[in-house]
C-alpha cells in the first residue's frame, strides 16, 4: 500500500512560485552569458544581446494578449503548456547553432513566460 501526501493549497503555491522564479531568473542568466554566446556563434555581443531584447519584448506582448485570450480556460492546462513551451524553447536556445535559431528560441521562451506569469498570478 502506498501513501501519498495530499496536495495542499500551499504546496500548489510553491509550484507556482518556483515556475515564476525560473522565468524571472532566465533573462538575467542569459544577459550574463552574452560574451560566451557571441563568441560561440561568431557574432558581436550587441547582436547576441538581441536575444534578451526579443525575450523581453515577446514576454511583454504575450502577457496581456494571452491572459485575455485564455481567460476561462483551465489554469492547470495553460500553466503546463506554458512551462513546456518555455522549457522546449530553452532547450532550443542551448542547441542553437546560429543567431537566427537563437533569436527564434528566445522569442518562443518569452511567449511561454508571458503566458505563464499572468496565469500563475491569477491562480495564486
Protein backbone atom coordinates (compact mmCIF):
# COMPACT_ATOMS: atom_id res chain seq x y z
CA UNK A 1 0.00 0.00 0.00
CA UNK A 2 1.39 3.37 -0.95
CA UNK A 3 0.60 6.60 0.72
CA UNK A 4 0.69 9.93 -0.94
CA UNK A 5 0.96 13.35 0.54
CA UNK A 6 -2.20 15.33 -0.06
CA UNK A 7 -1.74 18.41 -2.17
CA UNK A 8 -2.46 21.42 -0.05
CA UNK A 9 -3.05 24.92 -1.39
CA UNK A 10 0.36 25.90 -0.01
CA UNK A 11 2.09 23.10 -1.96
CA UNK A 12 0.44 24.33 -5.14
CA UNK A 13 1.57 27.87 -4.37
CA UNK A 14 5.17 26.71 -4.06
CA UNK A 15 4.96 25.17 -7.53
CA UNK A 16 3.69 28.47 -8.97
CA UNK A 17 6.44 30.40 -7.19
CA UNK A 18 9.11 28.01 -8.44
CA UNK A 19 7.90 28.48 -12.02
CA UNK A 20 7.86 32.27 -11.65
CA UNK A 21 11.37 32.18 -10.18
CA UNK A 22 12.66 30.13 -13.12
CA UNK A 23 11.14 32.54 -15.62
CA UNK A 24 12.48 35.60 -13.86
CA UNK A 25 15.95 34.14 -13.50
CA UNK A 26 16.09 33.21 -17.18
CA UNK A 27 16.52 36.76 -18.52
CA UNK A 28 19.24 37.61 -16.00
CA UNK A 29 21.23 34.47 -16.69
CA UNK A 30 21.14 35.00 -20.44
CA UNK A 31 22.39 38.57 -20.08
CA UNK A 32 25.39 37.29 -18.15
CA UNK A 33 26.20 34.76 -20.86
CA UNK A 34 26.31 37.26 -23.72
CA UNK A 35 30.10 37.25 -24.25
CA UNK A 36 30.22 33.43 -24.40
CA UNK A 37 27.15 33.18 -26.63
CA UNK A 38 28.54 35.82 -29.01
CA UNK A 39 31.88 34.01 -29.22
CA UNK A 40 30.19 30.63 -29.77
CA UNK A 41 28.02 31.99 -32.59
CA UNK A 42 30.83 34.10 -34.08
CA UNK A 43 28.83 37.30 -33.79
CA UNK A 44 29.07 40.55 -31.86
CA UNK A 45 27.89 40.89 -28.28
CA UNK A 46 25.38 43.52 -29.38
CA UNK A 47 23.87 41.14 -31.94
CA UNK A 48 23.74 38.34 -29.36
CA UNK A 49 22.19 40.83 -26.92
CA UNK A 50 19.13 40.95 -29.12
CA UNK A 51 18.16 37.62 -27.55
CA UNK A 52 17.49 39.42 -24.26
CA UNK A 53 15.55 42.18 -26.01
CA UNK A 54 13.48 39.72 -28.03
CA UNK A 55 12.69 37.58 -24.97
CA UNK A 56 11.53 40.63 -23.01
CA UNK A 57 9.52 42.05 -25.92
CA UNK A 58 7.69 38.77 -26.54
CA UNK A 59 7.10 38.39 -22.80
CA UNK A 60 5.59 41.89 -22.61
CA UNK A 61 3.39 41.41 -25.68
CA UNK A 62 2.28 37.86 -24.89
CA UNK A 63 1.25 38.53 -21.29
CA UNK A 64 -1.79 40.74 -21.90
CA UNK A 65 -2.78 39.11 -25.19
CA UNK A 66 -2.80 35.54 -23.89
CA UNK A 67 -4.17 36.45 -20.47
CA UNK A 68 -7.22 37.86 -22.24
CA UNK A 69 -7.46 35.17 -24.92
CA UNK A 70 -7.14 32.27 -22.48
CA UNK A 71 -9.39 33.62 -19.74
CA UNK A 72 -11.81 30.99 -18.52
CA UNK A 73 -9.67 28.07 -19.65
CA UNK A 74 -8.33 25.52 -17.16
CA UNK A 75 -5.37 27.09 -15.38
CA UNK A 76 -3.50 23.81 -14.89
CA UNK A 77 -3.55 23.08 -18.61
CA UNK A 78 -2.38 26.56 -19.58
CA UNK A 79 0.35 26.66 -16.93
CA UNK A 80 1.62 23.25 -18.00
CA UNK A 81 1.61 24.18 -21.69
CA UNK A 82 3.38 27.48 -20.96
CA UNK A 83 6.11 25.76 -18.96
CA UNK A 84 6.53 23.11 -21.66
CA UNK A 85 6.91 25.82 -24.30
CA UNK A 86 9.36 27.71 -22.09
CA UNK A 87 11.41 24.57 -21.42
CA UNK A 88 11.46 23.44 -25.05
CA UNK A 89 12.45 26.93 -26.18
CA UNK A 90 15.30 26.99 -23.67
CA UNK A 91 16.47 23.59 -24.90
CA UNK A 92 16.44 25.01 -28.43
CA UNK A 93 18.38 28.02 -27.14
CA UNK A 94 21.06 25.72 -25.77
CA UNK A 95 21.29 23.85 -29.07
CA UNK A 96 21.13 26.88 -31.36
CA UNK A 97 23.88 26.86 -33.94
CA UNK A 98 23.06 30.22 -35.46
CA UNK A 99 21.90 33.62 -34.34
CA UNK A 100 18.60 33.24 -36.21
CA UNK A 101 17.73 30.00 -34.40
CA UNK A 102 18.79 31.56 -31.11
CA UNK A 103 16.52 34.57 -31.63
CA UNK A 104 13.52 32.40 -32.54
CA UNK A 105 14.15 30.23 -29.48
CA UNK A 106 14.35 33.26 -27.20
CA UNK A 107 11.15 34.68 -28.70
CA UNK A 108 9.34 31.40 -28.00
CA UNK A 109 10.71 31.34 -24.45
CA UNK A 110 9.39 34.87 -23.99
CA UNK A 111 5.94 33.84 -25.16
CA UNK A 112 5.96 30.89 -22.75
CA UNK A 113 6.96 33.20 -19.91
CA UNK A 114 4.35 35.75 -20.93
CA UNK A 115 1.62 33.13 -20.84
CA UNK A 116 2.76 31.64 -17.54
CA UNK A 117 3.21 34.80 -15.46
CA UNK A 118 -0.28 36.32 -15.52
CA UNK A 119 -1.92 32.90 -15.26
CA UNK A 120 0.24 31.96 -12.26
CA UNK A 121 -0.56 35.27 -10.56
CA UNK A 122 -4.27 34.84 -11.18
CA UNK A 123 -4.19 31.24 -10.00
CA UNK A 124 -2.27 32.11 -6.82
